[in-house]
Amino acid sequence: APDAFREGDVFAVAHGAIFAGSDSTASTMQSFCHHVLRDPSIYSRIKKELDDATAEGRLSEMPQWNEVQNLPFFQACLKEAMRLRPAVGLNITRLVPPEGAEIDGRRLPGGTRVALNAWVLHRNAEIFGQDPKVYRPDRWFEGDAKNMERYMYQFGGGSHLCIGKNLALLEMNKTLPLLLRDFEFELLRPQEDLKYHSTFFVVQSGLEVRISKRNAKAQ
């Protein structure tokens, strides 16, 4: 009701959406760039896919959402970045309802605090293959992609799915292809991993790159 939802509530919701979305999306794009740029074969493949799509008229000057969904290797690279380093690093706790619940064959009484951590789930070898700690986009072509998608938890799940999911995906699917197509990137320290710590979001540092303009049409 209008009398129960005040101006301060509007500010709180807007503030949360803007700042939570910017930090988490930036963290995922850092992971994507770090892993793609440190592997020359992956970087070459993704540039070729973008260049070919541009030359064939399948990718606009300003990439459109539906166009980028038809870039399978880019999508695999993005999924793999979200799998290996999800932006939320802490558990999101929920309470078992008063009547209790059975989870994986174990009966839990009402009021029990339960949580699932995406960093743990996304490293389950039974789901993602025997090398779950490795950044390998091709797993999304070789394995059971639908089953892997089912267990992706970077945006949470259920009725409390991240409210900014669609905005975050839109930003990444427009920004990353544009940057990789139009600019050349070189990691300054390719042998060093990103440093990170988890508050609520995973805050990362150490992504230092040299950038130059490239001409995709000349590739």
C-alpha atoms as a PDB file:
ATOM      1  CA  ALA A   1       0.000   0.000   0.000  1.00  0.00           C
ATOM      2  CA  PRO A   2       1.262   3.550  -0.735  1.00  0.00           C
ATOM      3  CA  ASP A   3       1.035   4.570   2.929  1.00  0.00           C
ATOM      4  CA  ALA A   4       3.212   1.611   3.943  1.00  0.00           C
ATOM      5  CA  PHE A   5       5.881   2.113   1.252  1.00  0.00           C
ATOM      6  CA  ARG A   6       7.632   5.406   1.911  1.00  0.00           C
ATOM      7  CA  GLU A   7      10.204   7.436   0.020  1.00  0.00           C
ATOM      8  CA  GLY A   8      12.989   5.973   2.136  1.00  0.00           C
ATOM      9  CA  ASP A   9      11.921   2.481   1.096  1.00  0.00           C
ATOM     10  CA  VAL A  10      12.122   3.452  -2.576  1.00  0.00           C
ATOM     11  CA  PHE A  11      15.623   4.841  -2.022  1.00  0.00           C
ATOM     12  CA  ALA A  12      16.751   1.690  -0.202  1.00  0.00           C
ATOM     13  CA  VAL A  13      15.534  -0.604  -2.981  1.00  0.00           C
ATOM     14  CA  ALA A  14      17.071   1.554  -5.742  1.00  0.00           C
ATOM     15  CA  HIS A  15      20.350   1.943  -3.836  1.00  0.00           C
ATOM     16  CA  GLY A  16      20.626  -1.798  -3.304  1.00  0.00           C
ATOM     17  CA  ALA A  17      19.912  -2.623  -6.931  1.00  0.00           C
ATOM     18  CA  ILE A  18      22.457  -0.142  -8.293  1.00  0.00           C
ATOM     19  CA  PHE A  19      25.363  -0.852  -5.962  1.00  0.00           C
ATOM     20  CA  ALA A  20      24.849  -4.583  -5.504  1.00  0.00           C
ATOM     21  CA  GLY A  21      24.506  -5.002  -9.240  1.00  0.00           C
ATOM     22  CA  SER A  22      27.605  -2.974 -10.074  1.00  0.00           C
ATOM     23  CA  ASP A  23      29.924  -4.812  -7.662  1.00  0.00           C
ATOM     24  CA  SER A  24      28.786  -8.316  -8.556  1.00  0.00           C
ATOM     25  CA  THR A  25      28.755  -7.707 -12.310  1.00  0.00           C
ATOM     26  CA  ALA A  26      32.208  -6.114 -12.191  1.00  0.00           C
ATOM     27  CA  SER A  27      33.566  -9.118 -10.280  1.00  0.00           C
ATOM     28  CA  THR A  28      32.236 -11.549 -12.884  1.00  0.00           C
ATOM     29  CA  MET A  29      33.632  -9.500 -15.773  1.00  0.00           C
ATOM     30  CA  GLN A  30      37.030  -9.439 -14.045  1.00  0.00           C
ATOM     31  CA  SER A  31      36.960 -13.230 -13.804  1.00  0.00           C
ATOM     32  CA  PHE A  32      35.919 -13.557 -17.440  1.00  0.00           C
ATOM     33  CA  CYS A  33      38.668 -11.277 -18.728  1.00  0.00           C
ATOM     34  CA  HIS A  34      41.360 -12.816 -16.551  1.00  0.00           C
ATOM     35  CA  HIS A  35      40.651 -16.387 -17.636  1.00  0.00           C
ATOM     36  CA  VAL A  36      40.093 -15.592 -21.313  1.00  0.00           C
ATOM     37  CA  LEU A  37      43.177 -13.398 -21.674  1.00  0.00           C
ATOM     38  CA  ARG A  38      45.587 -15.733 -19.906  1.00  0.00           C
ATOM     39  CA  ASP A  39      44.899 -18.546 -22.409  1.00  0.00           C
ATOM     40  CA  PRO A  40      45.938 -17.527 -25.960  1.00  0.00           C
ATOM     41  CA  SER A  41      43.903 -20.305 -27.600  1.00  0.00           C
ATOM     42  CA  ILE A  42      40.705 -19.268 -25.820  1.00  0.00           C
ATOM     43  CA  TYR A  43      41.330 -15.589 -26.557  1.00  0.00           C
ATOM     44  CA  SER A  44      41.952 -16.316 -30.254  1.00  0.00           C
ATOM     45  CA  ARG A  45      38.794 -18.415 -30.562  1.00  0.00           C
ATOM     46  CA  ILE A  46      36.571 -15.814 -28.976  1.00  0.00           C
ATOM     47  CA  LYS A  47      37.997 -13.009 -31.147  1.00  0.00           C
ATOM     48  CA  LYS A  48      37.487 -15.095 -34.278  1.00  0.00           C
ATOM     49  CA  GLU A  49      33.886 -15.814 -33.319  1.00  0.00           C
ATOM     50  CA  LEU A  50      33.240 -12.100 -32.771  1.00  0.00           C
ATOM     51  CA  ASP A  51      35.043 -11.060 -35.958  1.00  0.00           C
ATOM     52  CA  ASP A  52      33.243 -13.647 -38.089  1.00  0.00           C
ATOM     53  CA  ALA A  53      29.862 -12.636 -36.673  1.00  0.00           C
ATOM     54  CA  THR A  54      30.616  -8.973 -37.395  1.00  0.00           C
ATOM     55  CA  ALA A  55      31.813  -9.659 -40.954  1.00  0.00           C
ATOM     56  CA  GLU A  56      28.722 -11.761 -41.689  1.00  0.00           C
ATOM     57  CA  GLY A  57      26.330  -9.133 -40.316  1.00  0.00           C
ATOM     58  CA  ARG A  58      25.319 -11.241 -37.323  1.00  0.00           C
ATOM     59  CA  LEU A  59      26.753  -8.813 -34.764  1.00  0.00           C
ATOM     60  CA  SER A  60      25.811  -5.138 -34.807  1.00  0.00           C
ATOM     61  CA  GLU A  61      28.146  -2.242 -34.071  1.00  0.00           C
ATOM     62  CA  MET A  62      26.417  -2.102 -30.694  1.00  0.00           C
ATOM     63  CA  PRO A  63      25.905  -5.810 -29.890  1.00  0.00           C
ATOM     64  CA  GLN A  64      22.282  -6.786 -29.329  1.00  0.00           C
ATOM     65  CA  TRP A  65      21.145  -9.338 -26.754  1.00  0.00           C
ATOM     66  CA  ASN A  66      19.677 -11.795 -29.259  1.00  0.00           C
ATOM     67  CA  GLU A  67      22.803 -11.617 -31.438  1.00  0.00           C
ATOM     68  CA  VAL A  68      25.147 -12.423 -28.568  1.00  0.00           C
ATOM     69  CA  GLN A  69      23.033 -15.421 -27.540  1.00  0.00           C
ATOM     70  CA  ASN A  70      24.009 -16.936 -30.898  1.00  0.00           C
ATOM     71  CA  LEU A  71      27.733 -16.781 -30.101  1.00  0.00           C
ATOM     72  CA  PRO A  72      28.192 -20.230 -28.534  1.00  0.00           C
ATOM     73  CA  PHE A  73      31.853 -19.963 -27.568  1.00  0.00           C
ATOM     74  CA  PHE A  74      31.390 -16.553 -25.956  1.00  0.00           C
ATOM     75  CA  GLN A  75      28.440 -17.925 -23.984  1.00  0.00           C
ATOM     76  CA  ALA A  76      30.499 -20.924 -22.866  1.00  0.00           C
ATOM     77  CA  CYS A  77      33.302 -18.622 -21.689  1.00  0.00           C
ATOM     78  CA  LEU A  78      30.862 -16.468 -19.736  1.00  0.00           C
ATOM     79  CA  LYS A  79      29.155 -19.456 -18.117  1.00  0.00           C
ATOM     80  CA  GLU A  80      32.520 -20.891 -17.157  1.00  0.00           C
ATOM     81  CA  ALA A  81      33.546 -17.604 -15.507  1.00  0.00           C
ATOM     82  CA  MET A  82      30.294 -17.522 -13.525  1.00  0.00           C
ATOM     83  CA  ARG A  83      30.763 -21.169 -12.582  1.00  0.00           C
ATOM     84  CA  LEU A  84      34.364 -20.970 -11.430  1.00  0.00           C
ATOM     85  CA  ARG A  85      34.162 -17.639  -9.615  1.00  0.00           C
ATOM     86  CA  PRO A  86      30.579 -16.741  -8.723  1.00  0.00           C
ATOM     87  CA  ALA A  87      30.264 -13.162  -7.510  1.00  0.00           C
ATOM     88  CA  VAL A  88      28.607 -14.081  -4.195  1.00  0.00           C
ATOM     89  CA  GLY A  89      31.020 -15.950  -1.955  1.00  0.00           C
ATOM     90  CA  LEU A  90      29.130 -16.305   1.311  1.00  0.00           C
ATOM     91  CA  ASN A  91      26.294 -18.613   2.233  1.00  0.00           C
ATOM     92  CA  ILE A  92      22.758 -17.290   1.890  1.00  0.00           C
ATOM     93  CA  THR A  93      20.979 -18.833   4.853  1.00  0.00           C
ATOM     94  CA  ARG A  94      17.365 -19.942   4.908  1.00  0.00           C
ATOM     95  CA  LEU A  95      15.177 -21.458   7.630  1.00  0.00           C
ATOM     96  CA  VAL A  96      13.454 -24.801   7.223  1.00  0.00           C
ATOM     97  CA  PRO A  97       9.655 -24.222   7.467  1.00  0.00           C
ATOM     98  CA  PRO A  98       7.881 -25.144  10.724  1.00  0.00           C
ATOM     99  CA  GLU A  99       6.687 -28.506   9.397  1.00  0.00           C
ATOM    100  CA  GLY A 100      10.261 -29.573   8.641  1.00  0.00           C
ATOM    101  CA  ALA A 101      11.720 -30.813   5.365  1.00  0.00           C
ATOM    102  CA  GLU A 102      13.672 -33.688   3.897  1.00  0.00           C
ATOM    103  CA  ILE A 103      16.820 -32.717   1.987  1.00  0.00           C
ATOM    104  CA  ASP A 104      18.886 -35.371   0.232  1.00  0.00           C
ATOM    105  CA  GLY A 105      17.369 -38.107   2.373  1.00  0.00           C
ATOM    106  CA  ARG A 106      17.941 -36.322   5.666  1.00  0.00           C
ATOM    107  CA  ARG A 107      15.028 -35.077   7.762  1.00  0.00           C
ATOM    108  CA  LEU A 108      15.530 -31.563   9.112  1.00  0.00           C
ATOM    109  CA  PRO A 109      13.273 -30.081  11.821  1.00  0.00           C
ATOM    110  CA  GLY A 110      11.547 -26.737  11.388  1.00  0.00           C
ATOM    111  CA  GLY A 111      13.703 -23.721  12.168  1.00  0.00           C
ATOM    112  CA  THR A 112      16.966 -25.372  11.086  1.00  0.00           C
ATOM    113  CA  ARG A 113      19.305 -22.938   9.346  1.00  0.00           C
ATOM    114  CA  VAL A 114      20.433 -24.261   5.965  1.00  0.00           C
ATOM    115  CA  ALA A 115      22.606 -22.744   3.264  1.00  0.00           C
ATOM    116  CA  LEU A 116      24.220 -23.555  -0.056  1.00  0.00           C
ATOM    117  CA  ASN A 117      27.510 -22.065  -1.223  1.00  0.00           C
ATOM    118  CA  ALA A 118      27.942 -21.561  -4.964  1.00  0.00           C
ATOM    119  CA  TRP A 119      31.744 -21.848  -4.781  1.00  0.00           C
ATOM    120  CA  VAL A 120      31.348 -25.345  -3.344  1.00  0.00           C
ATOM    121  CA  LEU A 121      28.452 -26.465  -5.543  1.00  0.00           C
ATOM    122  CA  HIS A 122      30.151 -25.277  -8.742  1.00  0.00           C
ATOM    123  CA  ARG A 123      33.174 -27.451  -7.958  1.00  0.00           C
ATOM    124  CA  ASN A 124      31.206 -30.685  -7.707  1.00  0.00           C
ATOM    125  CA  ALA A 125      32.972 -33.165  -9.993  1.00  0.00           C
ATOM    126  CA  GLU A 126      29.865 -35.341 -10.294  1.00  0.00           C
ATOM    127  CA  ILE A 127      28.094 -32.443 -12.000  1.00  0.00           C
ATOM    128  CA  PHE A 128      30.769 -30.454 -13.803  1.00  0.00           C
ATOM    129  CA  GLY A 129      33.313 -33.129 -14.699  1.00  0.00           C
ATOM    130  CA  GLN A 130      36.545 -34.395 -13.208  1.00  0.00           C
ATOM    131  CA  ASP A 131      38.356 -31.052 -13.569  1.00  0.00           C
ATOM    132  CA  PRO A 132      35.906 -28.665 -11.843  1.00  0.00           C
ATOM    133  CA  LYS A 133      38.665 -26.336 -10.591  1.00  0.00           C
ATOM    134  CA  VAL A 134      39.876 -25.678 -14.142  1.00  0.00           C
ATOM    135  CA  TYR A 135      38.565 -22.911 -16.411  1.00  0.00           C
ATOM    136  CA  ARG A 136      37.581 -24.904 -19.490  1.00  0.00           C
ATOM    137  CA  PRO A 137      34.731 -23.466 -21.615  1.00  0.00           C
ATOM    138  CA  ASP A 138      34.558 -26.579 -23.798  1.00  0.00           C
ATOM    139  CA  ARG A 139      32.964 -28.505 -20.931  1.00  0.00           C
ATOM    140  CA  TRP A 140      29.722 -26.748 -21.945  1.00  0.00           C
ATOM    141  CA  PHE A 141      29.864 -28.525 -25.315  1.00  0.00           C
ATOM    142  CA  GLU A 142      31.178 -31.893 -24.147  1.00  0.00           C
ATOM    143  CA  GLY A 143      29.091 -32.572 -21.045  1.00  0.00           C
ATOM    144  CA  ASP A 144      25.429 -32.503 -20.118  1.00  0.00           C
ATOM    145  CA  ALA A 145      24.947 -28.754 -20.448  1.00  0.00           C
ATOM    146  CA  LYS A 146      21.307 -28.824 -19.331  1.00  0.00           C
ATOM    147  CA  ASN A 147      22.205 -30.653 -16.137  1.00  0.00           C
ATOM    148  CA  MET A 148      25.099 -28.278 -15.438  1.00  0.00           C
ATOM    149  CA  GLU A 149      22.798 -25.294 -15.991  1.00  0.00           C
ATOM    150  CA  ARG A 150      20.395 -26.773 -13.446  1.00  0.00           C
ATOM    151  CA  TYR A 151      23.062 -26.601 -10.755  1.00  0.00           C
ATOM    152  CA  MET A 152      24.407 -23.152 -11.560  1.00  0.00           C
ATOM    153  CA  TYR A 153      23.797 -21.048  -8.466  1.00  0.00           C
ATOM    154  CA  GLN A 154      25.554 -17.746  -9.186  1.00  0.00           C
ATOM    155  CA  PHE A 155      22.231 -15.896  -8.951  1.00  0.00           C
ATOM    156  CA  GLY A 156      20.768 -18.028  -6.182  1.00  0.00           C
ATOM    157  CA  GLY A 157      17.587 -19.943  -6.824  1.00  0.00           C
ATOM    158  CA  GLY A 158      13.953 -20.504  -6.023  1.00  0.00           C
ATOM    159  CA  SER A 159      11.661 -17.665  -5.010  1.00  0.00           C
ATOM    160  CA  HIS A 160      14.655 -15.595  -3.856  1.00  0.00           C
ATOM    161  CA  LEU A 161      16.474 -15.564  -7.191  1.00  0.00           C
ATOM    162  CA  CYS A 162      18.636 -12.452  -7.570  1.00  0.00           C
ATOM    163  CA  ILE A 163      16.362  -9.590  -8.611  1.00  0.00           C
ATOM    164  CA  GLY A 164      19.163  -8.122 -10.744  1.00  0.00           C
ATOM    165  CA  LYS A 165      19.900 -11.304 -12.716  1.00  0.00           C
ATOM    166  CA  ASN A 166      18.524 -10.090 -16.044  1.00  0.00           C
ATOM    167  CA  LEU A 167      20.176  -6.676 -15.719  1.00  0.00           C
ATOM    168  CA  ALA A 168      23.553  -8.262 -14.919  1.00  0.00           C
ATOM    169  CA  LEU A 169      23.337 -10.670 -17.851  1.00  0.00           C
ATOM    170  CA  LEU A 170      22.313  -7.854 -20.194  1.00  0.00           C
ATOM    171  CA  GLU A 171      25.264  -5.697 -19.114  1.00  0.00           C
ATOM    172  CA  MET A 172      27.793  -8.519 -19.552  1.00  0.00           C
ATOM    173  CA  ASN A 173      26.355  -9.714 -22.864  1.00  0.00           C
ATOM    174  CA  LYS A 174      26.599  -6.225 -24.342  1.00  0.00           C
ATOM    175  CA  THR A 175      29.814  -4.938 -22.757  1.00  0.00           C
ATOM    176  CA  LEU A 176      32.189  -7.891 -23.067  1.00  0.00           C
ATOM    177  CA  PRO A 177      31.658  -8.684 -26.788  1.00  0.00           C
ATOM    178  CA  LEU A 178      31.978  -4.999 -27.661  1.00  0.00           C
ATOM    179  CA  LEU A 179      35.269  -4.623 -25.776  1.00  0.00           C
ATOM    180  CA  LEU A 180      36.822  -7.852 -27.060  1.00  0.00           C
ATOM    181  CA  ARG A 181      35.880  -7.115 -30.666  1.00  0.00           C
ATOM    182  CA  ASP A 182      37.022  -3.490 -30.739  1.00  0.00           C
ATOM    183  CA  PHE A 183      40.098  -3.581 -28.488  1.00  0.00           C
ATOM    184  CA  GLU A 184      43.173  -5.745 -28.023  1.00  0.00           C
ATOM    185  CA  PHE A 185      43.928  -6.762 -24.438  1.00  0.00           C
ATOM    186  CA  GLU A 186      47.148  -8.112 -22.961  1.00  0.00           C
ATOM    187  CA  LEU A 187      47.555  -9.271 -19.375  1.00  0.00           C
ATOM    188  CA  LEU A 188      50.573  -7.640 -17.771  1.00  0.00           C
ATOM    189  CA  ARG A 189      51.066 -10.542 -15.344  1.00  0.00           C
ATOM    190  CA  PRO A 190      49.514 -13.607 -17.012  1.00  0.00           C
ATOM    191  CA  GLN A 191      51.087 -16.053 -14.570  1.00  0.00           C
ATOM    192  CA  GLU A 192      49.576 -14.371 -11.508  1.00  0.00           C
ATOM    193  CA  ASP A 193      46.092 -15.225 -10.336  1.00  0.00           C
ATOM    194  CA  LEU A 194      43.589 -12.607  -9.252  1.00  0.00           C
ATOM    195  CA  LYS A 195      43.637 -11.779  -5.569  1.00  0.00           C
ATOM    196  CA  TYR A 196      40.245 -11.966  -3.932  1.00  0.00           C
ATOM    197  CA  HIS A 197      38.456 -11.879  -0.616  1.00  0.00           C
ATOM    198  CA  SER A 198      34.826 -12.368   0.232  1.00  0.00           C
ATOM    199  CA  THR A 199      32.727  -9.885   2.149  1.00  0.00           C
ATOM    200  CA  PHE A 200      29.292 -10.674   0.786  1.00  0.00           C
ATOM    201  CA  PHE A 201      30.448 -10.227  -2.772  1.00  0.00           C
ATOM    202  CA  VAL A 202      33.790 -11.576  -3.941  1.00  0.00           C
ATOM    203  CA  VAL A 203      36.038  -8.515  -4.265  1.00  0.00           C
ATOM    204  CA  GLN A 204      38.895  -9.098  -6.719  1.00  0.00           C
ATOM    205  CA  SER A 205      42.041  -7.180  -7.587  1.00  0.00           C
ATOM    206  CA  GLY A 206      45.099  -7.598  -9.773  1.00  0.00           C
ATOM    207  CA  LEU A 207      43.565  -7.444 -13.259  1.00  0.00           C
ATOM    208  CA  GLU A 208      46.100  -5.212 -15.022  1.00  0.00           C
ATOM    209  CA  VAL A 209      45.997  -5.086 -18.808  1.00  0.00           C
ATOM    210  CA  ARG A 210      47.461  -3.200 -21.741  1.00  0.00           C
ATOM    211  CA  ILE A 211      44.756  -2.030 -24.153  1.00  0.00           C
ATOM    212  CA  SER A 212      45.022  -0.980 -27.786  1.00  0.00           C
ATOM    213  CA  LYS A 213      42.474  -0.335 -30.507  1.00  0.00           C
ATOM    214  CA  ARG A 214      41.960  -3.156 -32.975  1.00  0.00           C
ATOM    215  CA  ASN A 215      40.199  -3.234 -36.332  1.00  0.00           C
ATOM    216  CA  ALA A 216      38.044  -6.367 -36.478  1.00  0.00           C
ATOM    217  CA  LYS A 217      37.321  -5.831 -40.178  1.00  0.00           C
ATOM    218  CA  ALA A 218      41.008  -6.167 -40.947  1.00  0.00           C
ATOM    219  CA  GLN A 219      41.426  -9.460 -39.118  1.00  0.00           C
END
